[in-house]
């Protein structure tokens, strides 16, 4: 959120990921434009849920990242249908696995008007 605010965006709503709230992760506005953002992190080898802390996941982070990426694409496509005047964005940490997945789907995402924004390790937001 800090990266968006620094870039001049006003945050309208944020989903509560701690309670696994469904819906658009972040809705923000700037200069008369509203954007819905599906945010994904990069999977770890162990669970973050305190009930399963330290327990090893069955799927590798790379495999799970593929699933998370596809979920983000589907959410972004649904948003395009639900709110056609909004910009639909997927925000991802800048990891090689996500870069590869984006490379493989960039043309299709562009054709549907879905943007991918990257967040580097310092928290800097890079649009496109």
C-alpha atoms as a PDB file:
ATOM      1  CA  UNK A   1       0.000   0.000   0.000  1.00  0.00           C
ATOM      2  CA  UNK A   2       2.863   2.324   0.736  1.00  0.00           C
ATOM      3  CA  UNK A   3       4.084   1.971  -2.849  1.00  0.00           C
ATOM      4  CA  UNK A   4       0.657   2.969  -4.172  1.00  0.00           C
ATOM      5  CA  UNK A   5       0.353   5.960  -1.843  1.00  0.00           C
ATOM      6  CA  UNK A   6       3.857   7.085  -2.786  1.00  0.00           C
ATOM      7  CA  UNK A   7       2.793   6.888  -6.437  1.00  0.00           C
ATOM      8  CA  UNK A   8      -0.177   9.202  -5.723  1.00  0.00           C
ATOM      9  CA  UNK A   9      -2.961   6.606  -5.399  1.00  0.00           C
ATOM     10  CA  UNK A  10      -5.734   6.995  -2.823  1.00  0.00           C
ATOM     11  CA  UNK A  11      -6.590   3.624  -1.267  1.00  0.00           C
ATOM     12  CA  UNK A  12     -10.377   3.067  -1.300  1.00  0.00           C
ATOM     13  CA  UNK A  13     -10.464  -0.443   0.165  1.00  0.00           C
ATOM     14  CA  UNK A  14      -8.210  -3.319   1.141  1.00  0.00           C
ATOM     15  CA  UNK A  15      -9.325  -6.929   1.612  1.00  0.00           C
ATOM     16  CA  UNK A  16      -8.513  -8.503   4.965  1.00  0.00           C
ATOM     17  CA  UNK A  17      -6.204 -11.338   3.943  1.00  0.00           C
ATOM     18  CA  UNK A  18      -5.816 -12.480   7.563  1.00  0.00           C
ATOM     19  CA  UNK A  19      -9.482 -13.553   7.534  1.00  0.00           C
ATOM     20  CA  UNK A  20      -9.194 -14.813   3.928  1.00  0.00           C
ATOM     21  CA  UNK A  21     -11.738 -12.225   2.795  1.00  0.00           C
ATOM     22  CA  UNK A  22     -12.866 -12.775  -0.785  1.00  0.00           C
ATOM     23  CA  UNK A  23     -12.984 -10.096  -3.449  1.00  0.00           C
ATOM     24  CA  UNK A  24     -10.640  -7.550  -4.910  1.00  0.00           C
ATOM     25  CA  UNK A  25      -7.505  -7.192  -2.801  1.00  0.00           C
ATOM     26  CA  UNK A  26      -7.035  -3.437  -3.275  1.00  0.00           C
ATOM     27  CA  UNK A  27      -9.173  -0.746  -4.873  1.00  0.00           C
ATOM     28  CA  UNK A  28      -7.427   2.573  -5.448  1.00  0.00           C
ATOM     29  CA  UNK A  29      -8.082   5.803  -7.329  1.00  0.00           C
ATOM     30  CA  UNK A  30      -5.945   8.510  -8.897  1.00  0.00           C
ATOM     31  CA  UNK A  31      -6.771  11.279 -11.378  1.00  0.00           C
ATOM     32  CA  UNK A  32     -10.315   9.991 -11.958  1.00  0.00           C
ATOM     33  CA  UNK A  33      -9.139   6.429 -12.651  1.00  0.00           C
ATOM     34  CA  UNK A  34     -10.139   3.503 -10.435  1.00  0.00           C
ATOM     35  CA  UNK A  35      -8.004   0.400 -10.330  1.00  0.00           C
ATOM     36  CA  UNK A  36      -8.740  -3.039  -8.890  1.00  0.00           C
ATOM     37  CA  UNK A  37      -5.594  -4.891  -7.893  1.00  0.00           C
ATOM     38  CA  UNK A  38      -5.163  -8.606  -7.300  1.00  0.00           C
ATOM     39  CA  UNK A  39      -2.071  -8.970  -5.104  1.00  0.00           C
ATOM     40  CA  UNK A  40       0.019 -12.108  -4.782  1.00  0.00           C
ATOM     41  CA  UNK A  41       3.106 -12.837  -2.730  1.00  0.00           C
ATOM     42  CA  UNK A  42       5.627 -15.552  -3.439  1.00  0.00           C
ATOM     43  CA  UNK A  43       4.979 -18.915  -1.790  1.00  0.00           C
ATOM     44  CA  UNK A  44       7.243 -20.239   0.919  1.00  0.00           C
ATOM     45  CA  UNK A  45       8.175 -23.834   1.640  1.00  0.00           C
ATOM     46  CA  UNK A  46       6.340 -23.769   4.994  1.00  0.00           C
ATOM     47  CA  UNK A  47       2.876 -22.612   6.040  1.00  0.00           C
ATOM     48  CA  UNK A  48       2.324 -19.081   7.354  1.00  0.00           C
ATOM     49  CA  UNK A  49      -0.878 -20.095   9.159  1.00  0.00           C
ATOM     50  CA  UNK A  50      -0.032 -20.273  12.902  1.00  0.00           C
ATOM     51  CA  UNK A  51      -2.011 -23.528  13.184  1.00  0.00           C
ATOM     52  CA  UNK A  52       0.444 -25.154  10.741  1.00  0.00           C
ATOM     53  CA  UNK A  53       3.570 -23.104  11.477  1.00  0.00           C
ATOM     54  CA  UNK A  54       6.754 -24.845  10.476  1.00  0.00           C
ATOM     55  CA  UNK A  55       4.930 -27.588   8.585  1.00  0.00           C
ATOM     56  CA  UNK A  56       6.364 -28.282   5.118  1.00  0.00           C
ATOM     57  CA  UNK A  57       4.033 -27.732   2.144  1.00  0.00           C
ATOM     58  CA  UNK A  58       3.581 -30.568  -0.344  1.00  0.00           C
ATOM     59  CA  UNK A  59       3.821 -28.347  -3.440  1.00  0.00           C
ATOM     60  CA  UNK A  60       7.081 -26.640  -4.315  1.00  0.00           C
ATOM     61  CA  UNK A  61       7.057 -22.831  -4.257  1.00  0.00           C
ATOM     62  CA  UNK A  62       7.487 -22.789  -8.052  1.00  0.00           C
ATOM     63  CA  UNK A  63       4.449 -25.022  -8.593  1.00  0.00           C
ATOM     64  CA  UNK A  64       2.377 -23.072  -6.094  1.00  0.00           C
ATOM     65  CA  UNK A  65       3.417 -19.787  -7.741  1.00  0.00           C
ATOM     66  CA  UNK A  66       1.949 -21.121 -10.992  1.00  0.00           C
ATOM     67  CA  UNK A  67      -1.356 -21.800  -9.237  1.00  0.00           C
ATOM     68  CA  UNK A  68      -1.363 -18.380  -7.577  1.00  0.00           C
ATOM     69  CA  UNK A  69      -0.571 -16.701 -10.882  1.00  0.00           C
ATOM     70  CA  UNK A  70      -3.467 -18.451 -12.618  1.00  0.00           C
ATOM     71  CA  UNK A  71      -5.794 -17.457  -9.757  1.00  0.00           C
ATOM     72  CA  UNK A  72      -4.663 -13.847 -10.125  1.00  0.00           C
ATOM     73  CA  UNK A  73      -5.296 -13.920 -13.886  1.00  0.00           C
ATOM     74  CA  UNK A  74      -8.806 -15.325 -13.371  1.00  0.00           C
ATOM     75  CA  UNK A  75      -9.581 -12.706 -10.705  1.00  0.00           C
ATOM     76  CA  UNK A  76      -8.322  -9.931 -13.006  1.00  0.00           C
ATOM     77  CA  UNK A  77     -10.458 -11.240 -15.883  1.00  0.00           C
ATOM     78  CA  UNK A  78     -13.552 -11.388 -13.657  1.00  0.00           C
ATOM     79  CA  UNK A  79     -12.912  -7.811 -12.585  1.00  0.00           C
ATOM     80  CA  UNK A  80     -12.769  -6.716 -16.254  1.00  0.00           C
ATOM     81  CA  UNK A  81     -16.279  -8.130 -16.692  1.00  0.00           C
ATOM     82  CA  UNK A  82     -17.674  -6.805 -13.424  1.00  0.00           C
ATOM     83  CA  UNK A  83     -16.152  -3.301 -13.570  1.00  0.00           C
ATOM     84  CA  UNK A  84     -15.305  -2.597 -17.233  1.00  0.00           C
ATOM     85  CA  UNK A  85     -14.457   1.080 -16.594  1.00  0.00           C
ATOM     86  CA  UNK A  86     -11.800   0.190 -14.020  1.00  0.00           C
ATOM     87  CA  UNK A  87      -8.235  -0.789 -14.731  1.00  0.00           C
ATOM     88  CA  UNK A  88      -7.540  -4.395 -13.798  1.00  0.00           C
ATOM     89  CA  UNK A  89      -4.100  -5.057 -12.338  1.00  0.00           C
ATOM     90  CA  UNK A  90      -2.134  -7.990 -10.988  1.00  0.00           C
ATOM     91  CA  UNK A  91       0.594  -6.969  -8.519  1.00  0.00           C
ATOM     92  CA  UNK A  92       3.428  -9.444  -8.036  1.00  0.00           C
ATOM     93  CA  UNK A  93       6.778  -9.561  -6.285  1.00  0.00           C
ATOM     94  CA  UNK A  94       9.575  -9.488  -8.818  1.00  0.00           C
ATOM     95  CA  UNK A  95      10.672 -13.146  -8.810  1.00  0.00           C
ATOM     96  CA  UNK A  96      12.010 -15.069 -11.832  1.00  0.00           C
ATOM     97  CA  UNK A  97       9.145 -17.611 -11.692  1.00  0.00           C
ATOM     98  CA  UNK A  98       6.509 -14.878 -11.943  1.00  0.00           C
ATOM     99  CA  UNK A  99       8.503 -13.130 -14.679  1.00  0.00           C
ATOM    100  CA  UNK A 100       8.511 -16.362 -16.697  1.00  0.00           C
ATOM    101  CA  UNK A 101       4.769 -16.877 -16.234  1.00  0.00           C
ATOM    102  CA  UNK A 102       4.151 -13.277 -17.269  1.00  0.00           C
ATOM    103  CA  UNK A 103       6.375 -13.676 -20.328  1.00  0.00           C
ATOM    104  CA  UNK A 104       4.256 -16.666 -21.400  1.00  0.00           C
ATOM    105  CA  UNK A 105       0.956 -14.774 -20.992  1.00  0.00           C
ATOM    106  CA  UNK A 106       1.853 -11.113 -21.631  1.00  0.00           C
ATOM    107  CA  UNK A 107       0.217 -10.954 -25.060  1.00  0.00           C
ATOM    108  CA  UNK A 108      -3.066 -12.378 -23.823  1.00  0.00           C
ATOM    109  CA  UNK A 109      -3.095 -10.141 -20.749  1.00  0.00           C
ATOM    110  CA  UNK A 110      -2.405  -7.094 -22.892  1.00  0.00           C
ATOM    111  CA  UNK A 111      -5.227  -8.034 -25.279  1.00  0.00           C
ATOM    112  CA  UNK A 112      -7.662  -8.142 -22.364  1.00  0.00           C
ATOM    113  CA  UNK A 113      -6.420  -4.863 -20.874  1.00  0.00           C
ATOM    114  CA  UNK A 114      -4.944  -6.467 -17.752  1.00  0.00           C
ATOM    115  CA  UNK A 115      -1.758  -4.878 -16.436  1.00  0.00           C
ATOM    116  CA  UNK A 116       0.945  -6.488 -14.319  1.00  0.00           C
ATOM    117  CA  UNK A 117       2.749  -4.321 -11.797  1.00  0.00           C
ATOM    118  CA  UNK A 118       5.956  -5.467 -10.135  1.00  0.00           C
ATOM    119  CA  UNK A 119       7.137  -4.805  -6.594  1.00  0.00           C
ATOM    120  CA  UNK A 120      10.852  -5.200  -5.999  1.00  0.00           C
ATOM    121  CA  UNK A 121      12.473  -6.262  -2.734  1.00  0.00           C
ATOM    122  CA  UNK A 122      12.804  -2.659  -1.576  1.00  0.00           C
ATOM    123  CA  UNK A 123       9.023  -2.197  -1.979  1.00  0.00           C
ATOM    124  CA  UNK A 124       9.288  -0.032  -5.085  1.00  0.00           C
ATOM    125  CA  UNK A 125       6.329  -0.354  -7.447  1.00  0.00           C
ATOM    126  CA  UNK A 126       7.090  -0.695 -11.149  1.00  0.00           C
ATOM    127  CA  UNK A 127       4.147  -0.365 -13.461  1.00  0.00           C
ATOM    128  CA  UNK A 128       4.791  -2.609 -16.491  1.00  0.00           C
END
